[in-house]
Amino acid sequence: MGRSLKGIISGILLVSMLSVVGCNSGEHNEGVSVEVNEKDKKKGKFEFSLGEINDGVYLSKMLNLKFDAKSHNMDIYYEEGLIGDNDDTVYDRTDMDEVKEKIADGAVISDMGASDTDGLRSISITIRKAPDSKTLNNYIFDQIREYEDMFKEDEEEFDMMEKSYVNLTDGKVAGKKIPGIEIKSVWEHDGVRDTMFYEKQLFLKYEDYIVTIDVSAYDANDAQSLLDIFEKPDKSDFEKAKNSPKEDETRESKSERRDRRKRQEESRKETKGSSEETTEESSTAESGVEESREDKVSTGDFCAGVTYGNVYTNSALNIKIDITGKHMVFASNDDLELLGNPSWVVSEKDKKDYVDAGNSVLDMVAHDVTFDNAVLVLIDKKVDLSKEEAGENFYFDKKDNVFVEHKKEKINFNGKELICISKVETKDDKSKYYERYIIMPCGEYTAAIGAMGSDEEFVKNAFKMFTIDK
């Protein structure tokens, strides 16, 4: 084959992955108040208002918060309808009298919503009426009891292996700890416990209003990484917002936003429920893994694997990787499509036909929550490994403006001596990106097991996650 396997990986995968990497926000020393203090109430300083979204940035005078979604590769919006049973009711966000009236009547109003492009991680702010004569602590404990009652009813009604829990917690928002609750759904199967869903809700009380900051993420650390995007704005932020087009003038229509968020929610539910789907498959006489292995017989030595829960197994390559507890997830079919796989390439036969036609295919990608560090298995047609000799070289890549250290060596991988290609890219700002690939022959095909990311230790030790498929 005249193409370079390394070049295919870089072209299909690396550019796509780097395009969705988020940025970490810095530390902030000042934050929001949990409740408006009595002195401010007496002085009449509190003024109810909704936040505004301008050029991908949310600003709220009432909460004194800023959320730069655009700089963190997130979509941002607010609902024009009321949340709940009356979500088709449109109101004028600029008319504070109408907004207050709606809230007084029991409506929940969206002040901001933001999510990753795939909808798997999100954060929102909603405002509702505070219950009469209740402190914030009482409100939080009421929320816990409501969730506990709901979970109990669900568990009694359905014979589920999934359990849901709610606990007291807090989160740091713009340098201030805010009280709240966390909700975890845990799937248990054959003694293996894996958190399927994590949500954190933080609560603020402003006079007659309860403000909820709601985060859906992979785990507590990931939730905090989203909360870290919040910061305290300065006067220049508000001055800039005055001179910027309003959100409605720059973004899609209300119906388009709702359609997009509906698709994102469906995508999030599909990924969240993937473990449940594999549980249903396991109720057959043999597991989905066994079925896929039987199908493999009909396609000869083609080296595609199967993903079952948190485990990827490839019998042809005699490898297995279990990502349980490693703060990683397997890329969905939609993710793989974004990374280069055609939408119709799903089954093992699809993959074989696609590779036989002269293409390469991603069989598995497991990544951390930032999509910055990942491992993968890529399948291509047979590569002439006799040309892959050990050695190293250094050069400057003018196209990407990076200094590259390139090395080929033979390493021991699960008892076999295989060629490993290592690459380190150093940018002008001295930041580095690491890549390692093991090339494995498999009959008339070749597989590349890769590890990549900005975390040197992760890439260095990634191959240790793979074990022999026994």
Protein backbone atom coordinates (compact mmCIF):
# COMPACT_ATOMS: atom_id res chain seq x y z
CA MET A 1 0.00 0.00 0.00
CA GLY A 2 1.48 3.31 -1.07
CA ARG A 3 0.00 5.35 1.79
CA SER A 4 1.58 5.92 5.18
CA LEU A 5 -0.41 4.44 8.04
CA LYS A 6 0.87 7.17 10.35
CA GLY A 7 -0.26 9.81 7.89
CA ILE A 8 -3.73 8.31 7.72
CA ILE A 9 -4.05 8.39 11.49
CA SER A 10 -2.87 11.98 11.68
CA GLY A 11 -5.18 13.08 8.88
CA ILE A 12 -8.32 11.32 10.08
CA LEU A 13 -7.98 11.43 13.83
CA LEU A 14 -5.55 13.92 15.26
CA VAL A 15 -6.83 17.05 13.54
CA SER A 16 -10.41 16.16 14.43
CA MET A 17 -9.56 15.50 18.06
CA LEU A 18 -7.58 18.69 18.46
CA SER A 19 -10.44 20.71 17.04
CA VAL A 20 -12.69 19.81 19.98
CA VAL A 21 -10.21 20.20 22.81
CA GLY A 22 -11.43 22.63 25.43
CA CYS A 23 -9.35 25.17 27.33
CA ASN A 24 -8.96 25.30 31.09
CA SER A 25 -9.95 28.50 32.76
CA GLY A 26 -7.81 30.14 35.39
CA GLU A 27 -8.25 30.71 39.09
CA HIS A 28 -10.62 33.42 40.29
CA ASN A 29 -10.56 35.05 43.69
CA GLU A 30 -14.01 36.55 43.94
CA GLY A 31 -17.39 34.93 43.65
CA VAL A 32 -21.11 35.18 44.11
CA SER A 33 -23.08 35.38 47.33
CA VAL A 34 -25.25 32.47 48.38
CA GLU A 35 -27.96 34.79 49.69
CA VAL A 36 -28.35 38.54 49.36
CA ASN A 37 -27.40 39.91 52.76
CA GLU A 38 -29.83 41.92 54.86
CA LYS A 39 -27.92 45.20 54.50
CA ASP A 40 -28.22 45.09 50.73
CA LYS A 41 -31.93 44.33 51.01
CA LYS A 42 -32.51 47.32 53.25
CA LYS A 43 -30.54 49.58 50.94
CA GLY A 44 -32.55 48.29 47.99
CA LYS A 45 -29.44 47.24 46.08
CA PHE A 46 -30.87 43.99 44.81
CA GLU A 47 -32.30 44.31 41.33
CA PHE A 48 -33.81 41.34 39.56
CA SER A 49 -32.62 40.82 35.98
CA LEU A 50 -31.98 38.08 33.45
CA GLY A 51 -28.60 37.46 31.90
CA GLU A 52 -27.70 38.21 28.30
CA ILE A 53 -25.80 36.20 25.70
CA ASN A 54 -23.57 38.09 23.28
CA ASP A 55 -21.08 36.48 20.89
CA GLY A 56 -21.03 33.22 22.84
CA VAL A 57 -20.56 34.87 26.24
CA TYR A 58 -23.16 34.91 29.06
CA LEU A 59 -23.24 37.92 31.39
CA SER A 60 -25.47 38.38 34.43
CA LYS A 61 -25.56 41.56 36.48
CA MET A 62 -27.80 39.96 39.09
CA LEU A 63 -25.49 36.99 39.63
CA ASN A 64 -22.34 38.93 38.81
CA LEU A 65 -21.17 36.05 36.64
CA LYS A 66 -19.61 35.59 33.24
CA PHE A 67 -19.49 32.33 31.24
CA ASP A 68 -17.38 32.34 28.08
CA ALA A 69 -18.83 29.37 26.20
CA LYS A 70 -17.33 30.35 22.85
CA SER A 71 -13.75 30.08 24.13
CA HIS A 72 -14.51 26.61 25.48
CA ASN A 73 -16.01 25.15 22.29
CA MET A 74 -19.54 25.06 23.70
CA ASP A 75 -22.90 26.01 22.24
CA ILE A 76 -24.81 28.54 24.36
CA TYR A 77 -28.46 29.57 24.40
CA TYR A 78 -31.43 30.47 26.55
CA GLU A 79 -34.98 29.20 26.26
CA GLU A 80 -37.61 31.64 25.06
CA GLY A 81 -40.32 29.43 26.49
CA LEU A 82 -41.04 28.48 30.08
CA ILE A 83 -39.48 25.26 31.31
CA GLY A 84 -41.90 22.50 32.31
CA ASP A 85 -45.52 21.91 31.33
CA ASN A 86 -45.79 25.37 29.80
CA ASP A 87 -42.59 25.28 27.75
CA ASP A 88 -44.46 26.45 24.63
CA THR A 89 -45.42 29.70 26.34
CA VAL A 90 -43.28 32.48 24.90
CA TYR A 91 -42.55 35.58 26.95
CA ASP A 92 -40.54 38.77 26.51
CA ARG A 93 -37.20 38.42 28.32
CA THR A 94 -36.70 42.18 28.22
CA ASP A 95 -39.96 42.86 30.08
CA MET A 96 -39.01 42.33 33.73
CA ASP A 97 -42.57 42.85 34.93
CA GLU A 98 -43.76 39.98 32.74
CA VAL A 99 -40.82 37.80 33.78
CA LYS A 100 -41.50 38.40 37.47
CA GLU A 101 -45.20 37.68 36.93
CA LYS A 102 -44.42 34.37 35.23
CA ILE A 103 -42.09 33.32 38.04
CA ALA A 104 -44.62 34.36 40.69
CA ASP A 105 -47.15 32.09 38.96
CA GLY A 106 -44.79 29.14 39.33
CA ALA A 107 -42.88 29.21 36.03
CA VAL A 108 -39.24 28.16 35.74
CA ILE A 109 -37.23 30.41 33.44
CA SER A 110 -34.03 29.56 31.63
CA ASP A 111 -31.31 32.14 32.15
CA MET A 112 -28.57 30.27 30.29
CA GLY A 113 -27.76 26.88 28.83
CA ALA A 114 -24.50 25.62 27.32
CA SER A 115 -23.36 22.24 26.08
CA ASP A 116 -20.61 20.50 24.18
CA THR A 117 -21.32 20.07 20.49
CA ASP A 118 -22.27 16.42 21.12
CA GLY A 119 -24.51 17.35 24.06
CA LEU A 120 -22.84 14.92 26.49
CA ARG A 121 -21.70 17.62 28.94
CA SER A 122 -23.87 20.63 29.75
CA ILE A 123 -24.47 23.42 32.22
CA SER A 124 -27.53 25.59 32.76
CA ILE A 125 -28.95 28.30 35.00
CA THR A 126 -32.64 28.44 35.86
CA ILE A 127 -34.65 30.81 38.05
CA ARG A 128 -37.83 30.01 39.98
CA LYS A 129 -39.87 31.26 42.89
CA ALA A 130 -38.45 30.52 46.33
CA PRO A 131 -40.84 28.61 48.62
CA ASP A 132 -42.40 30.80 51.28
CA SER A 133 -40.76 30.89 54.72
CA LYS A 134 -37.98 28.47 53.77
CA THR A 135 -34.26 28.97 54.14
CA LEU A 136 -31.88 27.82 51.44
CA ASN A 137 -30.85 24.84 53.58
CA ASN A 138 -34.47 23.76 53.98
CA TYR A 139 -34.97 24.05 50.22
CA ILE A 140 -31.91 21.85 49.53
CA PHE A 141 -33.03 19.15 51.97
CA ASP A 142 -36.49 19.21 50.39
CA GLN A 143 -34.85 18.58 47.01
CA ILE A 144 -32.96 15.60 48.42
CA ARG A 145 -36.15 14.07 49.86
CA GLU A 146 -37.99 14.56 46.57
CA TYR A 147 -35.27 12.79 44.61
CA GLU A 148 -35.06 9.97 47.17
CA ASP A 149 -38.83 9.41 46.96
CA MET A 150 -38.68 9.43 43.16
CA PHE A 151 -35.79 6.93 43.07
CA LYS A 152 -37.59 4.65 45.52
CA GLU A 153 -40.73 4.60 43.37
CA ASP A 154 -38.70 3.84 40.25
CA GLU A 155 -36.84 0.98 41.93
CA GLU A 156 -40.09 -0.53 43.21
CA GLU A 157 -41.76 -0.24 39.81
CA PHE A 158 -38.88 -1.57 37.72
CA ASP A 159 -36.54 -4.46 38.36
CA MET A 160 -33.52 -2.37 37.42
CA MET A 161 -29.83 -3.02 37.86
CA GLU A 162 -29.36 0.72 37.75
CA LYS A 163 -29.42 2.53 41.09
CA SER A 164 -29.64 6.27 41.61
CA TYR A 165 -28.29 8.21 44.56
CA VAL A 166 -28.53 11.81 45.76
CA ASN A 167 -26.12 13.40 48.25
CA LEU A 168 -25.25 16.79 49.70
CA THR A 169 -22.29 18.45 47.99
CA ASP A 170 -20.95 21.84 46.96
CA GLY A 171 -19.17 23.39 44.02
CA LYS A 172 -16.80 26.26 43.47
CA VAL A 173 -18.21 29.05 41.30
CA ALA A 174 -15.96 32.04 40.59
CA GLY A 175 -13.96 31.35 43.73
CA LYS A 176 -16.92 30.82 46.10
CA LYS A 177 -18.28 27.53 47.42
CA ILE A 178 -21.97 27.09 46.67
CA PRO A 179 -24.08 24.39 48.38
CA GLY A 180 -26.09 21.84 46.47
CA ILE A 181 -26.68 18.19 45.66
CA GLU A 182 -25.19 15.55 43.38
CA ILE A 183 -27.11 12.82 41.59
CA LYS A 184 -25.41 9.63 40.44
CA SER A 185 -26.86 6.75 38.48
CA VAL A 186 -24.81 3.58 38.91
CA TRP A 187 -25.08 0.48 36.76
CA GLU A 188 -24.17 -2.81 38.39
CA HIS A 189 -23.52 -6.02 36.48
CA ASP A 190 -21.58 -9.11 37.58
CA GLY A 191 -20.13 -7.19 40.48
CA VAL A 192 -18.88 -4.34 38.29
CA ARG A 193 -20.05 -0.87 39.26
CA ASP A 194 -19.80 2.00 36.82
CA THR A 195 -21.24 5.51 37.11
CA MET A 196 -23.45 6.05 34.07
CA PHE A 197 -24.69 9.55 34.80
CA TYR A 198 -23.54 12.41 37.02
CA GLU A 199 -25.40 15.63 37.76
CA LYS A 200 -24.62 18.43 40.19
CA GLN A 201 -27.13 21.10 41.19
CA LEU A 202 -26.00 24.19 43.10
CA PHE A 203 -28.49 26.60 44.66
CA LEU A 204 -28.46 30.35 45.32
CA LYS A 205 -31.21 32.39 47.00
CA TYR A 206 -31.88 35.99 46.01
CA GLU A 207 -34.82 37.42 47.98
CA ASP A 208 -37.88 35.67 46.48
CA TYR A 209 -35.92 33.70 43.88
CA ILE A 210 -34.04 30.40 43.78
CA VAL A 211 -31.27 30.20 41.18
CA THR A 212 -30.12 26.72 40.19
CA ILE A 213 -26.82 26.02 38.45
CA ASP A 214 -27.23 22.55 36.95
CA VAL A 215 -24.26 20.57 35.57
CA SER A 216 -24.35 17.25 33.71
CA ALA A 217 -20.91 15.68 33.38
CA TYR A 218 -18.95 12.44 33.58
CA ASP A 219 -18.02 12.76 37.26
CA ALA A 220 -17.50 15.28 40.05
CA ASN A 221 -14.14 16.48 38.72
CA ASP A 222 -15.55 16.95 35.24
CA ALA A 223 -18.51 18.88 36.67
CA GLN A 224 -16.14 21.20 38.51
CA SER A 225 -14.16 21.76 35.30
CA LEU A 226 -17.34 23.19 33.76
CA LEU A 227 -18.05 25.32 36.82
CA ASP A 228 -14.49 26.66 36.58
CA ILE A 229 -15.48 28.44 33.36
CA PHE A 230 -17.53 30.90 35.41
CA GLU A 231 -15.73 34.07 36.45
CA LYS A 232 -16.58 37.47 37.83
CA PRO A 233 -17.03 40.01 35.01
CA ASP A 234 -15.60 43.51 34.99
CA LYS A 235 -16.98 46.78 33.61
CA SER A 236 -15.36 46.25 30.22
CA ASP A 237 -17.36 43.03 29.75
CA PHE A 238 -20.64 44.88 30.14
CA GLU A 239 -19.46 47.76 27.94
CA LYS A 240 -18.52 45.30 25.22
CA ALA A 241 -21.91 43.59 25.50
CA LYS A 242 -23.71 46.92 24.94
CA ASN A 243 -22.00 47.32 21.58
CA SER A 244 -22.48 43.72 20.45
CA PRO A 245 -25.43 42.29 18.48
CA LYS A 246 -27.99 40.54 20.65
CA GLU A 247 -28.14 36.77 20.69
CA ASP A 248 -31.26 36.64 18.54
CA GLU A 249 -29.56 38.70 15.83
CA THR A 250 -26.55 36.43 15.50
CA ARG A 251 -27.78 32.86 16.18
CA GLU A 252 -30.31 30.54 14.69
CA SER A 253 -34.05 30.85 15.19
CA LYS A 254 -35.90 29.61 18.25
CA SER A 255 -37.20 26.52 16.46
CA GLU A 256 -33.73 25.72 15.13
CA ARG A 257 -32.23 26.00 18.60
CA ARG A 258 -34.88 23.73 20.04
CA ASP A 259 -34.34 21.16 17.27
CA ARG A 260 -30.59 21.23 17.85
CA ARG A 261 -30.93 20.82 21.60
CA LYS A 262 -33.43 18.01 21.08
CA ARG A 263 -30.88 16.19 18.94
CA GLN A 264 -28.19 16.80 21.56
CA GLU A 265 -30.43 15.46 24.33
CA GLU A 266 -31.21 12.35 22.31
CA SER A 267 -27.51 11.84 21.69
CA ARG A 268 -26.77 12.25 25.41
CA LYS A 269 -29.50 9.77 26.37
CA GLU A 270 -28.26 7.29 23.76
CA THR A 271 -24.73 7.41 25.16
CA LYS A 272 -25.97 7.33 28.75
CA GLY A 273 -28.10 4.28 27.97
CA SER A 274 -25.40 2.35 26.13
CA SER A 275 -24.66 0.25 29.21
CA GLU A 276 -28.37 -0.55 29.56
CA GLU A 277 -28.49 -1.70 25.95
CA THR A 278 -25.58 -4.06 26.51
CA THR A 279 -27.41 -5.46 29.54
CA GLU A 280 -30.40 -6.31 27.35
CA GLU A 281 -28.10 -7.98 24.84
CA SER A 282 -26.61 -10.12 27.61
CA SER A 283 -30.03 -11.66 28.30
CA THR A 284 -29.66 -13.80 25.16
CA ALA A 285 -28.23 -17.30 25.35
CA GLU A 286 -24.73 -15.92 24.77
CA SER A 287 -23.41 -12.37 25.23
CA GLY A 288 -22.96 -9.82 22.47
CA VAL A 289 -19.25 -10.57 22.62
CA GLU A 290 -19.86 -14.18 21.70
CA GLU A 291 -22.19 -13.22 18.86
CA SER A 292 -19.63 -10.88 17.40
CA ARG A 293 -16.96 -13.55 17.61
CA GLU A 294 -19.17 -15.95 15.68
CA ASP A 295 -19.66 -13.29 13.01
CA LYS A 296 -15.89 -12.90 12.88
CA VAL A 297 -15.51 -16.45 11.62
CA SER A 298 -17.29 -15.55 8.40
CA THR A 299 -14.90 -12.70 7.66
CA GLY A 300 -11.67 -14.62 8.04
CA ASP A 301 -8.74 -12.84 9.66
CA PHE A 302 -10.23 -9.36 9.61
CA CYS A 303 -9.18 -7.85 12.91
CA ALA A 304 -12.21 -5.91 14.14
CA GLY A 305 -13.12 -6.03 17.82
CA VAL A 306 -16.21 -5.52 19.94
CA THR A 307 -17.03 -3.09 22.75
CA TYR A 308 -19.07 -4.49 25.63
CA GLY A 309 -19.76 -2.10 28.49
CA ASN A 310 -16.38 -0.73 29.55
CA VAL A 311 -14.33 -3.41 27.78
CA TYR A 312 -13.03 -3.55 24.21
CA THR A 313 -11.95 -7.02 23.04
CA ASN A 314 -10.22 -7.92 19.79
CA SER A 315 -9.80 -11.68 19.43
CA ALA A 316 -7.91 -11.47 16.12
CA LEU A 317 -5.28 -9.21 17.70
CA ASN A 318 -5.53 -11.05 21.04
CA ILE A 319 -5.91 -7.81 23.00
CA LYS A 320 -8.35 -6.37 25.52
CA ILE A 321 -8.70 -3.01 27.28
CA ASP A 322 -10.90 -2.31 30.31
CA ILE A 323 -11.45 1.42 30.97
CA THR A 324 -13.42 0.95 34.21
CA GLY A 325 -12.29 3.52 36.75
CA LYS A 326 -9.92 5.24 34.34
CA HIS A 327 -12.10 8.35 33.78
CA MET A 328 -12.42 7.46 30.11
CA VAL A 329 -15.28 6.68 27.75
CA PHE A 330 -15.50 4.90 24.41
CA ALA A 331 -16.29 7.09 21.44
CA SER A 332 -19.80 6.52 20.11
CA ASN A 333 -20.58 5.79 16.46
CA ASP A 334 -21.45 9.48 16.06
CA ASP A 335 -18.06 10.45 17.50
CA LEU A 336 -16.29 8.02 15.15
CA GLU A 337 -18.16 9.54 12.25
CA LEU A 338 -16.83 12.98 13.22
CA LEU A 339 -13.35 11.46 13.37
CA GLY A 340 -13.53 10.06 9.84
CA ASN A 341 -15.56 6.85 9.79
CA PRO A 342 -18.47 6.96 7.31
CA SER A 343 -21.89 6.82 8.99
CA TRP A 344 -22.75 3.47 7.37
CA VAL A 345 -19.59 1.74 8.63
CA VAL A 346 -20.85 0.12 11.82
CA SER A 347 -20.78 -3.69 11.66
CA GLU A 348 -17.68 -5.83 11.22
CA LYS A 349 -18.68 -6.60 7.62
CA ASP A 350 -19.08 -2.86 6.92
CA LYS A 351 -15.59 -2.24 8.26
CA LYS A 352 -14.08 -5.07 6.24
CA ASP A 353 -15.71 -3.91 3.00
CA TYR A 354 -14.56 -0.35 3.67
CA VAL A 355 -10.94 -1.38 4.31
CA ASP A 356 -10.93 -3.79 1.33
CA ALA A 357 -11.93 -0.81 -0.81
CA GLY A 358 -8.64 0.87 0.10
CA ASN A 359 -9.58 2.87 3.19
CA SER A 360 -8.64 2.77 6.86
CA VAL A 361 -11.18 2.53 9.68
CA LEU A 362 -11.22 3.40 13.37
CA ASP A 363 -12.27 0.29 15.26
CA MET A 364 -12.09 1.82 18.73
CA VAL A 365 -11.34 5.15 20.38
CA ALA A 366 -11.34 5.65 24.16
CA HIS A 367 -10.79 9.18 25.41
CA ASP A 368 -10.83 11.21 28.59
CA VAL A 369 -13.54 13.79 29.23
CA THR A 370 -11.61 16.55 27.47
CA PHE A 371 -10.99 14.41 24.36
CA ASP A 372 -7.37 15.55 24.74
CA ASN A 373 -5.85 12.17 25.66
CA ALA A 374 -6.95 9.02 23.86
CA VAL A 375 -6.12 5.47 22.83
CA LEU A 376 -7.30 3.91 19.58
CA VAL A 377 -7.23 0.93 17.29
CA LEU A 378 -7.10 1.66 13.57
CA ILE A 379 -7.31 -1.02 10.84
CA ASP A 380 -5.81 -0.73 7.38
CA LYS A 381 -4.75 -3.05 4.58
CA LYS A 382 -1.43 -4.86 4.82
CA VAL A 383 1.59 -2.59 5.34
CA ASP A 384 5.12 -3.58 4.35
CA LEU A 385 6.81 -3.54 7.74
CA SER A 386 10.21 -4.43 6.28
CA LYS A 387 10.65 -0.72 5.48
CA GLU A 388 10.02 0.28 9.07
CA GLU A 389 13.53 0.41 10.48
CA ALA A 390 14.60 1.61 13.90
CA GLY A 391 16.03 5.11 14.20
CA GLU A 392 15.18 8.68 15.05
CA ASN A 393 15.18 12.05 13.38
CA PHE A 394 14.33 15.66 14.16
CA TYR A 395 12.81 18.26 11.88
CA PHE A 396 10.74 21.44 11.78
CA ASP A 397 7.25 21.14 10.30
CA LYS A 398 6.63 24.46 8.56
CA LYS A 399 3.00 23.65 7.83
CA ASP A 400 2.05 23.12 11.48
CA ASN A 401 4.82 25.37 12.84
CA VAL A 402 6.08 22.72 15.27
CA PHE A 403 9.42 21.07 16.04
CA VAL A 404 9.08 17.30 15.67
CA GLU A 405 11.04 14.52 17.35
CA HIS A 406 10.36 11.25 15.52
CA LYS A 407 11.53 7.83 16.68
CA LYS A 408 11.10 4.21 15.53
CA GLU A 409 11.98 1.33 17.82
CA LYS A 410 11.02 -2.22 18.66
CA ILE A 411 9.20 -2.77 21.95
CA ASN A 412 7.64 -5.70 23.79
CA PHE A 413 3.85 -5.53 23.70
CA ASN A 414 1.98 -8.35 25.45
CA GLY A 415 4.88 -10.74 24.80
CA LYS A 416 5.44 -9.77 21.16
CA GLU A 417 8.23 -7.67 19.68
CA LEU A 418 6.57 -4.98 17.56
CA ILE A 419 7.52 -1.72 15.89
CA CYS A 420 6.61 1.39 17.88
CA ILE A 421 6.60 4.87 16.35
CA SER A 422 6.90 7.78 18.77
CA LYS A 423 6.42 11.45 17.96
CA VAL A 424 6.70 14.59 20.06
CA GLU A 425 5.59 17.97 18.69
CA THR A 426 6.85 21.12 20.42
CA LYS A 427 5.08 24.39 19.68
CA ASP A 428 6.43 27.93 19.94
CA ASP A 429 4.91 28.31 23.39
CA LYS A 430 6.88 25.19 24.47
CA SER A 431 3.70 23.13 24.89
CA LYS A 432 4.04 19.54 23.69
CA TYR A 433 1.83 16.92 22.10
CA TYR A 434 2.76 13.23 22.30
CA GLU A 435 1.91 10.30 20.03
CA ARG A 436 2.85 6.60 20.10
CA TYR A 437 1.77 3.83 17.72
CA ILE A 438 2.31 0.10 17.75
CA ILE A 439 2.01 -1.54 14.35
CA MET A 440 0.55 -5.08 14.42
CA PRO A 441 0.31 -7.32 11.35
CA CYS A 442 -2.84 -9.44 11.12
CA GLY A 443 -3.08 -11.62 8.01
CA GLU A 444 -3.96 -9.41 5.06
CA TYR A 445 -4.47 -6.41 7.31
CA THR A 446 -2.51 -4.17 9.65
CA ALA A 447 -3.68 -2.65 12.92
CA ALA A 448 -2.23 0.40 14.64
CA ILE A 449 -2.69 0.70 18.37
CA GLY A 450 -2.21 4.35 19.21
CA ALA A 451 -1.95 6.64 22.22
CA MET A 452 -1.91 10.42 22.00
CA GLY A 453 -2.40 13.54 24.05
CA SER A 454 -0.80 16.42 25.89
CA ASP A 455 -0.21 14.31 29.02
CA GLU A 456 3.21 12.70 28.60
CA GLU A 457 2.66 10.14 31.37
CA PHE A 458 -0.68 9.07 29.91
CA VAL A 459 0.82 8.45 26.46
CA LYS A 460 3.91 6.77 27.91
CA ASN A 461 1.90 4.27 29.96
CA ALA A 462 -1.20 3.89 27.76
CA PHE A 463 -0.14 0.56 26.23
CA LYS A 464 -0.08 -0.97 29.71
CA MET A 465 -3.90 -0.71 29.73
CA PHE A 466 -4.03 -3.38 27.01
CA THR A 467 -3.92 -6.98 28.18
CA ILE A 468 -4.01 -10.34 26.41
CA ASP A 469 -7.49 -11.59 25.51
CA LYS A 470 -7.73 -14.90 27.34
